[in-house]
Amino acid sequence: MAQLRGTRRELLMAVAGSAFLAPQDKARWAEVNAFLDTQKARGLIPGAALVAMQDQKVVYERYMGNYTSLKERQVELNGDVRHVFFSFSKLITATVIAMLHQDGLLDYDSPVSTYIPEFIGGGKDKITLRHLLTHSAGIPAVPLAGVGTEADWRIAVKTLCLAQTEWEPGSKTAYHALSGMFACAEAARRVSGGKPWQEICKERLFDPIGAKTLNFDIPPAGTPFALTPVPAQLPQTLKEAFAAFAGHPAGGCSGTPRDAIKVLQLHLNWGMWGSKRLLLKKTLMEMHSVQYAREIEKALSGGKNPTHETWGLGILLRGKGAKQGGHDWFGF
């Protein structure tokens, strides 16, 4: 795992070092490709997808190596294969929550119980959407199973509402793998007439940016799909493959890299998609601002380890101040 983490960091730095490359800059693209080839040759990755977009147009695209499908191993990777995006789903969910906020349907600083009345007790009364989006709510370990059906979703809501806080909301941050974004999505559903989460995302984000493959639901049968992590036994069904993350706003979105990068492009374009503004500049500025900057600076100036990390609203930001030396190389 340590080796894979190192590889991930090297890959991010290699691509970041080639940011804003013109398509014709063949030497620099060759450098990135050589890095990927080396990783595959060393057996650290089975394959890779590299997509670069500028001005809403794909300017570079490469698929290499193999993936494990539902039925067999060592299948050649191509651009039609869909992947589970795991915590990249948090950026997607946070973007949709921000859209609802700018429309006046959600308030970051209102108690969650404003939208989910049964979300009370156990220290949860003070939790706000801002706490959820910044991983500071104090409910990081709520045991939420897959929410691929409406019945499963309702069970997860009940489980969430029974949770007890582990610390005073806002007093520190720690990664909320599933609970924070799930609670945000349930609040979004409550102010959207009870619509399914996928429908809300499709209407507000996926359709406007033309990301046809992005989906929190289980993909249709026959969809080419990469299994990550690779299971010990094959074949599998899509339902089996999605068992843990099905439907989860925090980790269950799937799709092609070509569509995933459109979400990043929307942020880099300051909320514009073509001639249409989907996110206000002030909305994005708040999302991309370290929410606990004051607390982090106070701790550092006092020679202490900060109890808060550099979270924006739903997204990790680069910057000094995390418990282990800061996220100066990773994040937005």
Protein backbone atom coordinates (compact mmCIF):
# COMPACT_ATOMS: atom_id res chain seq x y z
CA MET A 1 0.00 0.00 0.00
CA ALA A 2 2.82 2.42 0.84
CA GLN A 3 4.32 1.71 -2.56
CA LEU A 4 1.00 2.37 -4.29
CA ARG A 5 0.54 5.61 -2.40
CA GLY A 6 3.98 6.70 -3.50
CA THR A 7 3.11 5.81 -7.07
CA ARG A 8 -0.08 7.83 -6.85
CA ARG A 9 1.85 10.84 -5.60
CA GLU A 10 4.46 10.50 -8.36
CA LEU A 11 1.72 10.23 -10.98
CA LEU A 12 -0.08 13.30 -9.69
CA MET A 13 3.13 15.28 -9.62
CA ALA A 14 4.09 14.13 -13.13
CA VAL A 15 0.74 15.17 -14.54
CA ALA A 16 0.67 18.37 -12.49
CA GLY A 17 4.12 19.22 -13.79
CA SER A 18 2.72 18.93 -17.29
CA ALA A 19 -0.37 21.02 -16.57
CA PHE A 20 -1.55 23.42 -19.27
CA LEU A 21 0.44 21.58 -21.92
CA ALA A 22 -0.55 22.41 -25.46
CA PRO A 23 -1.58 19.34 -27.47
CA GLN A 24 1.37 19.91 -29.78
CA ASP A 25 3.91 19.82 -26.92
CA LYS A 26 4.90 16.27 -27.81
CA ALA A 27 8.05 16.19 -25.71
CA ARG A 28 6.24 16.89 -22.45
CA TRP A 29 3.40 14.48 -23.23
CA ALA A 30 6.05 11.89 -24.04
CA GLU A 31 7.49 12.44 -20.56
CA VAL A 32 4.14 11.73 -18.91
CA ASN A 33 3.55 8.69 -21.09
CA ALA A 34 7.03 7.36 -20.33
CA PHE A 35 6.21 7.59 -16.63
CA LEU A 36 3.01 5.56 -17.10
CA ASP A 37 4.85 2.99 -19.20
CA THR A 38 7.47 2.62 -16.47
CA GLN A 39 4.83 2.09 -13.78
CA LYS A 40 3.18 -0.62 -15.85
CA ALA A 41 6.50 -2.28 -16.63
CA ARG A 42 7.30 -2.37 -12.90
CA GLY A 43 3.98 -4.09 -12.25
CA LEU A 44 2.66 -1.25 -10.08
CA ILE A 45 -0.40 -0.64 -12.26
CA PRO A 46 -2.26 -2.95 -14.66
CA GLY A 47 -3.30 -0.06 -16.87
CA ALA A 48 -4.13 3.63 -16.89
CA ALA A 49 -6.34 6.28 -18.42
CA LEU A 50 -5.03 9.78 -19.07
CA VAL A 51 -7.42 12.47 -20.28
CA ALA A 52 -6.66 16.19 -20.57
CA MET A 53 -9.29 18.81 -21.32
CA GLN A 54 -8.95 22.47 -22.16
CA ASP A 55 -11.78 24.88 -22.97
CA GLN A 56 -14.22 21.97 -22.68
CA LYS A 57 -12.47 20.01 -25.40
CA VAL A 58 -10.40 16.87 -24.91
CA VAL A 59 -6.89 17.76 -26.07
CA TYR A 60 -5.12 14.56 -25.08
CA GLU A 61 -6.34 11.06 -24.36
CA ARG A 62 -4.60 7.76 -23.83
CA TYR A 63 -5.72 4.37 -22.55
CA MET A 64 -3.15 1.69 -21.88
CA GLY A 65 -2.94 -1.76 -20.34
CA ASN A 66 -5.70 -3.92 -18.96
CA TYR A 67 -8.56 -4.02 -16.48
CA THR A 68 -10.64 -6.72 -14.81
CA SER A 69 -14.21 -6.89 -16.08
CA LEU A 70 -17.20 -8.60 -14.49
CA LYS A 71 -16.36 -11.80 -16.36
CA GLU A 72 -12.63 -11.93 -17.06
CA ARG A 73 -9.21 -10.52 -16.28
CA GLN A 74 -6.69 -8.85 -18.56
CA VAL A 75 -9.24 -7.07 -20.75
CA GLU A 76 -7.84 -4.25 -22.88
CA LEU A 77 -8.71 -0.84 -21.44
CA ASN A 78 -10.49 1.74 -23.60
CA GLY A 79 -12.42 4.96 -23.19
CA ASP A 80 -15.83 3.30 -22.95
CA VAL A 81 -14.99 1.41 -19.78
CA ARG A 82 -16.63 2.81 -16.65
CA HIS A 83 -15.01 2.98 -13.23
CA VAL A 84 -16.17 3.59 -9.67
CA PHE A 85 -14.77 6.97 -8.67
CA PHE A 86 -14.87 6.36 -4.90
CA SER A 87 -14.15 9.66 -3.10
CA PHE A 88 -14.03 11.72 -6.29
CA SER A 89 -17.79 11.32 -5.76
CA LYS A 90 -17.46 13.79 -2.88
CA LEU A 91 -16.48 16.58 -5.27
CA ILE A 92 -19.52 15.77 -7.40
CA THR A 93 -21.86 15.75 -4.40
CA ALA A 94 -20.39 18.94 -2.96
CA THR A 95 -20.83 20.68 -6.32
CA VAL A 96 -24.53 19.79 -6.40
CA ILE A 97 -24.97 20.87 -2.77
CA ALA A 98 -23.35 24.20 -3.66
CA MET A 99 -25.85 24.63 -6.50
CA LEU A 100 -28.75 24.10 -4.09
CA HIS A 101 -27.13 26.54 -1.65
CA GLN A 102 -26.78 29.29 -4.24
CA ASP A 103 -30.44 28.80 -5.16
CA GLY A 104 -31.40 29.43 -1.53
CA LEU A 105 -32.61 25.88 -0.88
CA LEU A 106 -29.84 24.93 1.56
CA ASP A 107 -28.02 27.04 4.15
CA TYR A 108 -24.54 25.87 5.10
CA ASP A 109 -24.87 27.17 8.67
CA SER A 110 -28.35 25.97 9.58
CA PRO A 111 -28.61 22.85 11.76
CA VAL A 112 -29.02 19.69 9.71
CA SER A 113 -32.26 19.10 11.63
CA THR A 114 -33.69 22.07 9.73
CA TYR A 115 -33.88 19.72 6.75
CA ILE A 116 -33.89 16.32 8.49
CA PRO A 117 -36.00 16.86 11.65
CA GLU A 118 -35.14 13.44 13.09
CA PHE A 119 -31.41 14.25 12.98
CA ILE A 120 -31.27 15.21 16.66
CA GLY A 121 -29.85 13.91 19.93
CA GLY A 122 -26.53 12.30 20.66
CA GLY A 123 -24.73 15.63 20.28
CA LYS A 124 -25.94 16.11 16.69
CA ASP A 125 -28.18 19.12 17.31
CA LYS A 126 -25.40 21.62 16.52
CA ILE A 127 -24.18 19.89 13.36
CA THR A 128 -24.54 22.04 10.24
CA LEU A 129 -24.06 21.32 6.55
CA ARG A 130 -20.77 23.21 6.78
CA HIS A 131 -19.60 20.74 9.42
CA LEU A 132 -20.59 17.84 7.18
CA LEU A 133 -18.82 19.30 4.15
CA THR A 134 -15.63 19.97 6.11
CA HIS A 135 -15.41 16.59 7.87
CA SER A 136 -15.76 18.29 11.23
CA ALA A 137 -19.24 17.00 12.21
CA GLY A 138 -17.94 14.42 14.68
CA ILE A 139 -19.73 11.41 13.15
CA PRO A 140 -16.96 9.83 11.02
CA ALA A 141 -17.65 6.17 11.73
CA VAL A 142 -21.40 5.70 11.17
CA PRO A 143 -21.76 2.16 9.71
CA LEU A 144 -23.63 2.84 6.47
CA ALA A 145 -24.13 -0.05 4.05
CA GLY A 146 -24.85 0.33 0.34
CA VAL A 147 -27.84 2.51 -0.53
CA GLY A 148 -28.57 1.22 -4.02
CA THR A 149 -32.32 0.98 -3.41
CA GLU A 150 -34.81 3.37 -1.85
CA ALA A 151 -35.36 0.90 1.00
CA ASP A 152 -31.62 0.74 1.68
CA TRP A 153 -31.43 4.55 1.59
CA ARG A 154 -34.18 4.86 4.20
CA ILE A 155 -32.42 2.34 6.48
CA ALA A 156 -29.21 4.37 6.17
CA VAL A 157 -31.07 7.57 7.14
CA LYS A 158 -32.34 5.85 10.29
CA THR A 159 -28.84 4.62 11.11
CA LEU A 160 -27.44 8.11 10.58
CA CYS A 161 -30.05 9.69 12.86
CA LEU A 162 -29.15 7.27 15.67
CA ALA A 163 -25.47 8.23 15.54
CA GLN A 164 -23.70 9.88 18.47
CA THR A 165 -20.98 12.47 18.02
CA GLU A 166 -17.39 11.63 18.89
CA TRP A 167 -16.41 15.27 19.43
CA GLU A 168 -17.95 18.73 19.55
CA PRO A 169 -18.98 19.62 15.98
CA GLY A 170 -16.44 22.00 14.45
CA SER A 171 -13.76 21.43 17.07
CA LYS A 172 -11.58 19.26 14.81
CA THR A 173 -11.63 17.41 11.49
CA ALA A 174 -11.29 13.72 10.67
CA TYR A 175 -12.26 11.98 7.46
CA HIS A 176 -15.96 11.15 7.23
CA ALA A 177 -15.82 8.41 4.59
CA LEU A 178 -19.57 8.10 4.01
CA SER A 179 -21.65 9.86 6.67
CA GLY A 180 -21.03 13.55 5.89
CA MET A 181 -21.89 13.52 2.21
CA PHE A 182 -24.76 11.10 2.74
CA ALA A 183 -26.37 13.49 5.24
CA CYS A 184 -25.88 16.39 2.80
CA ALA A 185 -27.54 14.41 0.02
CA GLU A 186 -30.49 13.50 2.23
CA ALA A 187 -30.95 17.20 3.07
CA ALA A 188 -30.83 17.91 -0.68
CA ARG A 189 -33.53 15.30 -1.29
CA ARG A 190 -35.75 16.82 1.40
CA VAL A 191 -35.67 20.25 -0.27
CA SER A 192 -36.09 18.73 -3.74
CA GLY A 193 -39.42 17.02 -3.22
CA GLY A 194 -37.87 13.69 -2.25
CA LYS A 195 -36.28 13.09 -5.67
CA PRO A 196 -33.68 10.30 -5.85
CA TRP A 197 -30.11 11.52 -5.49
CA GLN A 198 -29.18 10.42 -9.00
CA GLU A 199 -32.08 12.42 -10.47
CA ILE A 200 -31.01 15.58 -8.63
CA CYS A 201 -27.42 15.19 -9.86
CA LYS A 202 -28.56 14.47 -13.41
CA GLU A 203 -30.81 17.54 -13.58
CA ARG A 204 -28.40 19.98 -11.96
CA LEU A 205 -24.97 18.77 -13.07
CA PHE A 206 -24.66 15.73 -15.31
CA ASP A 207 -27.05 16.83 -18.07
CA PRO A 208 -25.87 20.47 -18.21
CA ILE A 209 -22.22 19.43 -18.73
CA GLY A 210 -23.05 16.51 -21.00
CA ALA A 211 -21.65 13.87 -18.64
CA LYS A 212 -23.92 11.07 -19.83
CA THR A 213 -22.09 8.20 -18.11
CA LEU A 214 -21.88 9.70 -14.61
CA ASN A 215 -24.24 7.72 -12.42
CA PHE A 216 -24.83 7.03 -8.73
CA ASP A 217 -27.18 4.17 -9.62
CA ILE A 218 -26.03 0.71 -10.66
CA PRO A 219 -25.16 0.97 -14.39
CA PRO A 220 -27.32 -0.83 -16.97
CA ALA A 221 -26.58 -4.49 -17.68
CA GLY A 222 -23.91 -4.96 -20.31
CA THR A 223 -21.98 -1.83 -19.34
CA PRO A 224 -18.20 -2.39 -19.63
CA PHE A 225 -17.00 -1.93 -16.07
CA ALA A 226 -13.62 -2.09 -14.32
CA LEU A 227 -13.61 -3.88 -10.98
CA THR A 228 -11.49 -2.08 -8.39
CA PRO A 229 -10.26 -3.60 -6.17
CA VAL A 230 -9.96 -6.81 -8.18
CA PRO A 231 -12.07 -9.59 -6.62
CA ALA A 232 -10.72 -13.06 -5.92
CA GLN A 233 -13.57 -14.76 -7.75
CA LEU A 234 -15.17 -14.12 -11.15
CA PRO A 235 -17.69 -13.70 -12.66
CA GLN A 236 -19.55 -11.02 -10.69
CA THR A 237 -22.75 -9.11 -11.26
CA LEU A 238 -22.89 -5.33 -11.20
CA LYS A 239 -24.99 -5.59 -8.04
CA GLU A 240 -22.27 -7.63 -6.33
CA ALA A 241 -19.57 -5.26 -7.53
CA PHE A 242 -21.46 -2.25 -6.17
CA ALA A 243 -22.57 -3.83 -2.89
CA ALA A 244 -20.57 -1.57 -0.56
CA PHE A 245 -20.80 1.75 -2.40
CA ALA A 246 -24.05 1.49 -4.38
CA GLY A 247 -25.77 4.86 -4.48
CA HIS A 248 -23.49 6.51 -1.95
CA PRO A 249 -23.05 10.28 -2.49
CA ALA A 250 -19.63 9.94 -0.84
CA GLY A 251 -18.18 7.18 -2.98
CA GLY A 252 -20.63 5.54 -5.37
CA CYS A 253 -20.49 7.58 -8.55
CA SER A 254 -19.24 5.77 -11.64
CA GLY A 255 -18.59 6.70 -15.25
CA THR A 256 -15.84 7.24 -17.79
CA PRO A 257 -12.74 9.38 -17.17
CA ARG A 258 -13.83 11.53 -20.12
CA ASP A 259 -17.00 12.52 -18.24
CA ALA A 260 -15.37 12.77 -14.80
CA ILE A 261 -12.93 15.39 -16.03
CA LYS A 262 -15.85 17.59 -17.09
CA VAL A 263 -16.63 18.20 -13.42
CA LEU A 264 -13.06 19.41 -12.88
CA GLN A 265 -13.29 21.57 -16.00
CA LEU A 266 -16.43 23.22 -14.61
CA HIS A 267 -14.49 24.24 -11.50
CA LEU A 268 -11.49 25.45 -13.51
CA ASN A 269 -13.87 27.48 -15.70
CA TRP A 270 -15.20 29.26 -12.62
CA GLY A 271 -18.60 27.67 -12.92
CA MET A 272 -19.11 28.33 -16.62
CA TRP A 273 -20.03 25.63 -19.13
CA GLY A 274 -20.02 27.13 -22.56
CA SER A 275 -22.11 30.28 -22.35
CA LYS A 276 -24.09 29.05 -19.36
CA ARG A 277 -23.15 29.78 -15.75
CA LEU A 278 -23.87 26.82 -13.50
CA LEU A 279 -22.01 28.04 -10.42
CA LEU A 280 -21.62 31.61 -9.27
CA LYS A 281 -18.05 32.83 -8.75
CA LYS A 282 -18.73 33.54 -5.10
CA THR A 283 -20.08 30.01 -4.71
CA LEU A 284 -16.86 28.53 -6.07
CA MET A 285 -14.69 30.92 -4.06
CA GLU A 286 -16.32 29.68 -0.86
CA MET A 287 -15.98 26.04 -1.90
CA HIS A 288 -12.28 26.58 -2.60
CA SER A 289 -11.49 28.48 0.60
CA VAL A 290 -9.96 26.73 3.61
CA GLN A 291 -12.81 26.81 6.07
CA TYR A 292 -10.68 26.49 9.20
CA ALA A 293 -7.81 28.71 8.06
CA ARG A 294 -8.00 30.85 11.20
CA GLU A 295 -7.86 27.86 13.54
CA ILE A 296 -4.99 26.32 11.58
CA GLU A 297 -2.98 29.54 11.61
CA LYS A 298 -3.58 30.04 15.33
CA ALA A 299 -2.31 26.54 16.10
CA LEU A 300 0.76 26.90 13.88
CA SER A 301 1.67 30.32 15.26
CA GLY A 302 1.48 28.82 18.75
CA GLY A 303 3.76 25.96 17.77
CA LYS A 304 0.98 23.40 17.99
CA ASN A 305 -0.27 20.69 15.69
CA PRO A 306 -3.55 21.89 14.12
CA THR A 307 -6.64 19.86 14.92
CA HIS A 308 -8.16 20.93 11.59
CA GLU A 309 -7.13 20.01 8.06
CA THR A 310 -7.31 22.20 4.97
CA TRP A 311 -10.85 21.38 3.90
CA GLY A 312 -12.87 23.61 1.64
CA LEU A 313 -16.55 22.81 1.27
CA GLY A 314 -16.50 19.16 0.32
CA ILE A 315 -13.01 19.22 -1.18
CA LEU A 316 -9.51 18.98 0.23
CA LEU A 317 -7.37 21.99 -0.62
CA ARG A 318 -3.62 22.29 -0.88
CA GLY A 319 -1.99 24.12 1.96
CA LYS A 320 0.11 23.76 5.07
CA GLY A 321 -1.45 22.90 8.36
CA ALA A 322 -2.52 19.25 8.38
CA LYS A 323 -1.43 17.03 11.23
CA GLN A 324 1.26 15.36 9.13
CA GLY A 325 2.90 18.27 7.42
CA GLY A 326 0.13 19.72 5.30
CA HIS A 327 -1.42 18.85 1.95
CA ASP A 328 1.00 20.95 -0.06
CA TRP A 329 1.10 18.45 -2.96
CA PHE A 330 -2.40 16.95 -2.96
CA GLY A 331 -5.83 18.48 -3.48
CA PHE A 332 -7.12 21.53 -5.27
